[in-house]
Amino acid sequence: MSTLSGEDQIIKPLFTEIKSALEIGSGTGQHAVYFAEQLPHLKWQCSDQPVYLPGIKTRLDHAALTNTPTPIELDLFKNSWPTSAIDAIFSANAVHIMPWSGVEILFDAAGKTLQKNGHLVLYGPFNYNGSYSSESNARFDQWLKQQHPESAIRDFEAIDKLATEAGLTLQNDYPMPANNRILHWIKE
């Protein structure tokens, strides 16, 4: 895999000095394998719900990288966050799937878990000023809500407010392909 839709052009420079990253909702483990290969100094800790852990572990075992430890269970609603300070938290395509209460927990936990100057990086579609950024995002949001009524493309302003309340300051909002964004905050 040469790139992840251009994510590497943004994330690699952000994580150059980072020693450890926790990925929320690792899914298939594709980000872990890609970024652990590209940034061998970085320990990339996958996490997800129990049902996804065997698939992630299989992918990590196949890649045989030394900087991807065994994936851990992380359930936002069970207060199962790691207890040690983390340099960075990364999540791709997860905040629009989880209920709003999960998004609130994610930001609160990030504010408590990230060490000073720690990074929170989210990838996915976002609305701005209550409007969709594209017709395809409007259709996607409708589909999400049909799958689960609490899923939705989140409004940037609402999640940035959560970030501010958690002690995080927006550093950049990067446009990405397919009407996605990378949002980057730092804990001051």
Foldseek 3Di string as FASTA:
>chain_A
DPDDQCVCVPVVVVCQPFQEEEEEACQQLPVVLVVCVVRVNHQYAYEYAPVRQVNNQVVCVVSPRPRYDRHYYDDLVVPPDDPAAHQEYEYEPDQLQDAPVSLLSVLLVNLVRHDAFHKYKYKFAAAEPPDGPDPVQVVVQVVSCVVPVRGGHYHPVVSCVSNVVSQWDWDDWAAGPPRMIMTMITRD
